[in-house]
C-alpha atoms as a PDB file:
ATOM      1  CA  MET A   1      -0.013  -0.043   0.050  1.00  0.00           C
ATOM      2  CA  PRO A   2       1.467   3.442  -0.891  1.00  0.00           C
ATOM      3  CA  GLY A   3       2.262   5.987   1.713  1.00  0.00           C
ATOM      4  CA  LEU A   4       0.605   9.393   1.658  1.00  0.00           C
ATOM      5  CA  TYR A   5       2.582  12.521   2.476  1.00  0.00           C
ATOM      6  CA  GLU A   6       0.372  15.331   3.665  1.00  0.00           C
ATOM      7  CA  LYS A   7       2.176  18.315   5.296  1.00  0.00           C
ATOM      8  CA  GLN A   8       3.126  21.945   4.624  1.00  0.00           C
ATOM      9  CA  GLY A   9       0.794  22.384   1.675  1.00  0.00           C
ATOM     10  CA  LEU A  10       2.045  19.227  -0.099  1.00  0.00           C
ATOM     11  CA  ARG A  11       0.027  16.051  -0.703  1.00  0.00           C
ATOM     12  CA  PHE A  12       1.297  13.176  -2.762  1.00  0.00           C
ATOM     13  CA  ALA A  13       1.481   9.343  -2.725  1.00  0.00           C
ATOM     14  CA  TYR A  14       4.789   7.492  -2.566  1.00  0.00           C
ATOM     15  CA  PRO A  15       5.961   3.867  -2.221  1.00  0.00           C
ATOM     16  CA  ASP A  16       5.867   2.855   1.390  1.00  0.00           C
ATOM     17  CA  ASN A  17       9.373   1.246   1.208  1.00  0.00           C
ATOM     18  CA  TRP A  18      10.866   4.648   0.204  1.00  0.00           C
ATOM     19  CA  THR A  19      12.032   7.166   2.882  1.00  0.00           C
ATOM     20  CA  ILE A  20      11.008  10.752   3.347  1.00  0.00           C
ATOM     21  CA  ASP A  21      13.391  13.588   4.209  1.00  0.00           C
ATOM     22  CA  GLU A  22      11.949  17.046   4.892  1.00  0.00           C
ATOM     23  CA  ASP A  23      14.022  20.232   4.319  1.00  0.00           C
ATOM     24  CA  ASP A  24      12.941  23.380   5.958  1.00  0.00           C
ATOM     25  CA  GLU A  25      16.226  25.267   5.297  1.00  0.00           C
ATOM     26  CA  GLY A  26      15.541  26.492   1.709  1.00  0.00           C
ATOM     27  CA  GLN A  27      13.516  29.224   0.192  1.00  0.00           C
ATOM     28  CA  ALA A  28      10.569  26.994  -0.713  1.00  0.00           C
ATOM     29  CA  ASP A  29       7.509  26.965   1.492  1.00  0.00           C
ATOM     30  CA  ALA A  30       7.879  23.171   1.616  1.00  0.00           C
ATOM     31  CA  ALA A  31      10.533  20.782   0.333  1.00  0.00           C
ATOM     32  CA  VAL A  32      10.521  17.075   0.534  1.00  0.00           C
ATOM     33  CA  THR A  33      12.859  14.337  -0.933  1.00  0.00           C
ATOM     34  CA  VAL A  34      11.622  10.798  -1.321  1.00  0.00           C
ATOM     35  CA  ASN A  35      14.547   8.283  -1.439  1.00  0.00           C
ATOM     36  CA  SER A  36      14.341   4.740  -3.053  1.00  0.00           C
ATOM     37  CA  PRO A  37      15.938   1.808  -1.265  1.00  0.00           C
ATOM     38  CA  GLN A  38      18.741   2.067  -3.862  1.00  0.00           C
ATOM     39  CA  THR A  39      20.144   5.368  -5.136  1.00  0.00           C
ATOM     40  CA  ALA A  40      17.158   7.083  -6.883  1.00  0.00           C
ATOM     41  CA  PHE A  41      15.390  10.077  -5.475  1.00  0.00           C
ATOM     42  CA  TRP A  42      12.505  12.457  -6.214  1.00  0.00           C
ATOM     43  CA  SER A  43      12.388  15.867  -4.691  1.00  0.00           C
ATOM     44  CA  VAL A  44       9.557  18.379  -4.732  1.00  0.00           C
ATOM     45  CA  MET A  45       9.695  22.028  -3.666  1.00  0.00           C
ATOM     46  CA  TYR A  46       6.479  23.935  -3.223  1.00  0.00           C
ATOM     47  CA  TYR A  47       6.073  27.739  -3.420  1.00  0.00           C
ATOM     48  CA  ARG A  48       2.830  29.420  -2.473  1.00  0.00           C
ATOM     49  CA  GLY A  49       1.627  31.689  -5.283  1.00  0.00           C
ATOM     50  CA  HIS A  50       3.005  31.977  -8.749  1.00  0.00           C
ATOM     51  CA  ARG A  51       6.744  31.977  -9.347  1.00  0.00           C
ATOM     52  CA  ASP A  52       8.611  32.032 -12.668  1.00  0.00           C
ATOM     53  CA  VAL A  53       8.826  28.280 -13.582  1.00  0.00           C
ATOM     54  CA  HIS A  54      11.599  28.896 -16.055  1.00  0.00           C
ATOM     55  CA  GLU A  55      13.805  30.733 -13.527  1.00  0.00           C
ATOM     56  CA  LEU A  56      13.240  27.980 -10.901  1.00  0.00           C
ATOM     57  CA  ALA A  57      14.076  25.176 -13.308  1.00  0.00           C
ATOM     58  CA  ASN A  58      17.104  26.965 -14.757  1.00  0.00           C
ATOM     59  CA  CYS A  59      18.543  27.487 -11.313  1.00  0.00           C
ATOM     60  CA  VAL A  60      18.530  23.696 -10.713  1.00  0.00           C
ATOM     61  CA  VAL A  61      19.990  23.070 -14.133  1.00  0.00           C
ATOM     62  CA  ASP A  62      22.782  25.643 -13.524  1.00  0.00           C
ATOM     63  CA  ALA A  63      23.534  24.041 -10.107  1.00  0.00           C
ATOM     64  CA  LEU A  64      23.878  20.664 -11.732  1.00  0.00           C
ATOM     65  CA  LYS A  65      25.987  22.048 -14.557  1.00  0.00           C
ATOM     66  CA  SER A  66      28.398  23.484 -12.011  1.00  0.00           C
ATOM     67  CA  GLU A  67      28.670  20.125 -10.185  1.00  0.00           C
ATOM     68  CA  TYR A  68      28.887  18.035 -13.374  1.00  0.00           C
ATOM     69  CA  PRO A  69      30.591  19.977 -16.134  1.00  0.00           C
ATOM     70  CA  GLN A  70      30.004  17.269 -18.825  1.00  0.00           C
ATOM     71  CA  ILE A  71      26.292  17.159 -18.179  1.00  0.00           C
ATOM     72  CA  GLU A  72      23.976  16.950 -21.263  1.00  0.00           C
ATOM     73  CA  VAL A  73      20.764  19.016 -21.038  1.00  0.00           C
ATOM     74  CA  ASP A  74      17.749  18.744 -23.283  1.00  0.00           C
ATOM     75  CA  GLU A  75      14.482  20.746 -23.070  1.00  0.00           C
ATOM     76  CA  ALA A  76      11.580  18.341 -22.354  1.00  0.00           C
ATOM     77  CA  PRO A  77       7.825  18.659 -22.407  1.00  0.00           C
ATOM     78  CA  ALA A  78       6.462  19.490 -18.979  1.00  0.00           C
ATOM     79  CA  ALA A  79       2.755  19.783 -19.450  1.00  0.00           C
ATOM     80  CA  ILE A  80       1.610  18.628 -16.050  1.00  0.00           C
ATOM     81  CA  ASP A  81      -1.384  20.888 -15.720  1.00  0.00           C
ATOM     82  CA  ASP A  82      -2.962  23.728 -17.643  1.00  0.00           C
ATOM     83  CA  GLY A  83      -0.605  26.295 -16.147  1.00  0.00           C
ATOM     84  CA  ASP A  84       2.848  27.510 -17.173  1.00  0.00           C
ATOM     85  CA  ALA A  85       5.408  24.677 -17.155  1.00  0.00           C
ATOM     86  CA  CYS A  86       9.109  24.111 -17.917  1.00  0.00           C
ATOM     87  CA  GLY A  87      11.137  20.867 -18.097  1.00  0.00           C
ATOM     88  CA  TYR A  88      14.572  19.467 -18.785  1.00  0.00           C
ATOM     89  CA  ASP A  89      16.104  16.036 -19.122  1.00  0.00           C
ATOM     90  CA  LEU A  90      19.722  15.713 -18.073  1.00  0.00           C
ATOM     91  CA  SER A  91      22.320  12.945 -18.337  1.00  0.00           C
ATOM     92  CA  PHE A  92      25.738  12.744 -16.776  1.00  0.00           C
ATOM     93  CA  SER A  93      28.382  10.379 -15.596  1.00  0.00           C
ATOM     94  CA  TYR A  94      29.385  10.107 -11.898  1.00  0.00           C
ATOM     95  CA  VAL A  95      31.752   7.558 -10.505  1.00  0.00           C
ATOM     96  CA  ASP A  96      31.710   5.699 -13.876  1.00  0.00           C
ATOM     97  CA  LEU A  97      27.874   5.326 -13.716  1.00  0.00           C
ATOM     98  CA  LEU A  98      25.502   7.003 -16.094  1.00  0.00           C
ATOM     99  CA  ASN A  99      22.766   9.040 -14.391  1.00  0.00           C
ATOM    100  CA  THR A 100      19.571  10.524 -15.638  1.00  0.00           C
ATOM    101  CA  ALA A 101      17.856  13.562 -13.980  1.00  0.00           C
ATOM    102  CA  THR A 102      14.640  15.343 -14.767  1.00  0.00           C
ATOM    103  CA  VAL A 103      13.690  18.896 -13.749  1.00  0.00           C
ATOM    104  CA  ARG A 104      10.017  19.936 -13.992  1.00  0.00           C
ATOM    105  CA  ALA A 105       8.463  23.242 -12.786  1.00  0.00           C
ATOM    106  CA  PHE A 106       4.813  23.902 -13.130  1.00  0.00           C
ATOM    107  CA  GLN A 107       1.989  25.827 -11.617  1.00  0.00           C
ATOM    108  CA  HIS A 108      -1.086  24.253 -10.107  1.00  0.00           C
ATOM    109  CA  THR A 109      -4.043  25.612  -7.958  1.00  0.00           C
ATOM    110  CA  GLY A 110      -2.322  28.736  -6.813  1.00  0.00           C
ATOM    111  CA  GLY A 111       1.164  27.273  -6.161  1.00  0.00           C
ATOM    112  CA  THR A 112       4.316  26.571  -8.017  1.00  0.00           C
ATOM    113  CA  TYR A 113       6.047  23.218  -7.882  1.00  0.00           C
ATOM    114  CA  LEU A 114       9.621  22.308  -8.732  1.00  0.00           C
ATOM    115  CA  ILE A 115      10.471  18.552  -9.068  1.00  0.00           C
ATOM    116  CA  LEU A 116      13.888  17.065  -9.441  1.00  0.00           C
ATOM    117  CA  SER A 117      14.249  13.346  -9.940  1.00  0.00           C
ATOM    118  CA  GLN A 118      17.461  11.390 -10.401  1.00  0.00           C
ATOM    119  CA  ALA A 119      18.551   7.753 -10.860  1.00  0.00           C
ATOM    120  CA  GLU A 120      21.393   5.689 -12.138  1.00  0.00           C
ATOM    121  CA  ASP A 121      20.539   4.381 -15.541  1.00  0.00           C
ATOM    122  CA  HIS A 122      20.381   0.684 -14.508  1.00  0.00           C
ATOM    123  CA  GLU A 123      17.779   1.641 -11.955  1.00  0.00           C
ATOM    124  CA  LEU A 124      15.812   3.996 -14.172  1.00  0.00           C
ATOM    125  CA  PRO A 125      13.479   1.552 -15.900  1.00  0.00           C
ATOM    126  CA  ILE A 126      12.159   0.471 -12.444  1.00  0.00           C
ATOM    127  CA  VAL A 127      11.807   3.957 -10.835  1.00  0.00           C
ATOM    128  CA  GLU A 128      10.798   6.159 -13.755  1.00  0.00           C
ATOM    129  CA  PRO A 129       7.155   4.991 -13.530  1.00  0.00           C
ATOM    130  CA  VAL A 130       7.328   5.649  -9.793  1.00  0.00           C
ATOM    131  CA  PHE A 131       8.611   9.232 -10.381  1.00  0.00           C
ATOM    132  CA  GLU A 132       5.802   9.806 -12.848  1.00  0.00           C
ATOM    133  CA  ALA A 133       3.160   8.447 -10.475  1.00  0.00           C
ATOM    134  CA  MET A 134       4.415  10.614  -7.544  1.00  0.00           C
ATOM    135  CA  THR A 135       4.345  13.691  -9.787  1.00  0.00           C
ATOM    136  CA  ALA A 136       0.839  12.864 -11.059  1.00  0.00           C
ATOM    137  CA  SER A 137      -0.345  12.412  -7.447  1.00  0.00           C
ATOM    138  CA  LEU A 138       0.612  15.983  -6.580  1.00  0.00           C
ATOM    139  CA  VAL A 139      -2.234  17.324  -8.848  1.00  0.00           C
ATOM    140  CA  ARG A 140      -4.766  14.530  -8.128  1.00  0.00           C
ATOM    141  CA  ASP A 141      -7.599  14.575  -5.681  1.00  0.00           C
ATOM    142  CA  PHE A 142      -7.443  11.622  -3.308  1.00  0.00           C
END
C-alpha cells in the first residue's frame, strides 16, 4: 500500500518502502525528498503563489552544470497541468555510472512546484514510472 505525504501544503503518494526527508532550510515553503531503497530520489519544492517556472528550473539546471561539467541538457515537455510549465532532461556520468535526472517546474491551483528526480541508468526503468506516479499524485484529488 502506498504511503501518503500530507504536510506543509504538499500532498502526494509514494511507495511505502521509500524514505522521506523534509527540508525546511531552503527558500521553498515546503521541500521534501523521497529516496528509493537504492540510489534514486524524487524531490519536490512547493512555493505558495506563482513563481517564474523557467527561472526555478534553470537554477536547478545551473547548479547541476556546476557540479557535473560534462552534463547533457535537453528541453523536455512539462505539461503537467494547464498552467505555465518548464522541463529539462539531463544525463551525466558520476563515478563511472550513467545518471539521468529530470527537472520539471509547473503551476497548479495557486502554487508553483519544482520537481527534481534522479537515478542511475540501471535503476531508471524501475523507478521512472514511480517518479511519474508521484508527480501525477501532486495534482490529483485523493
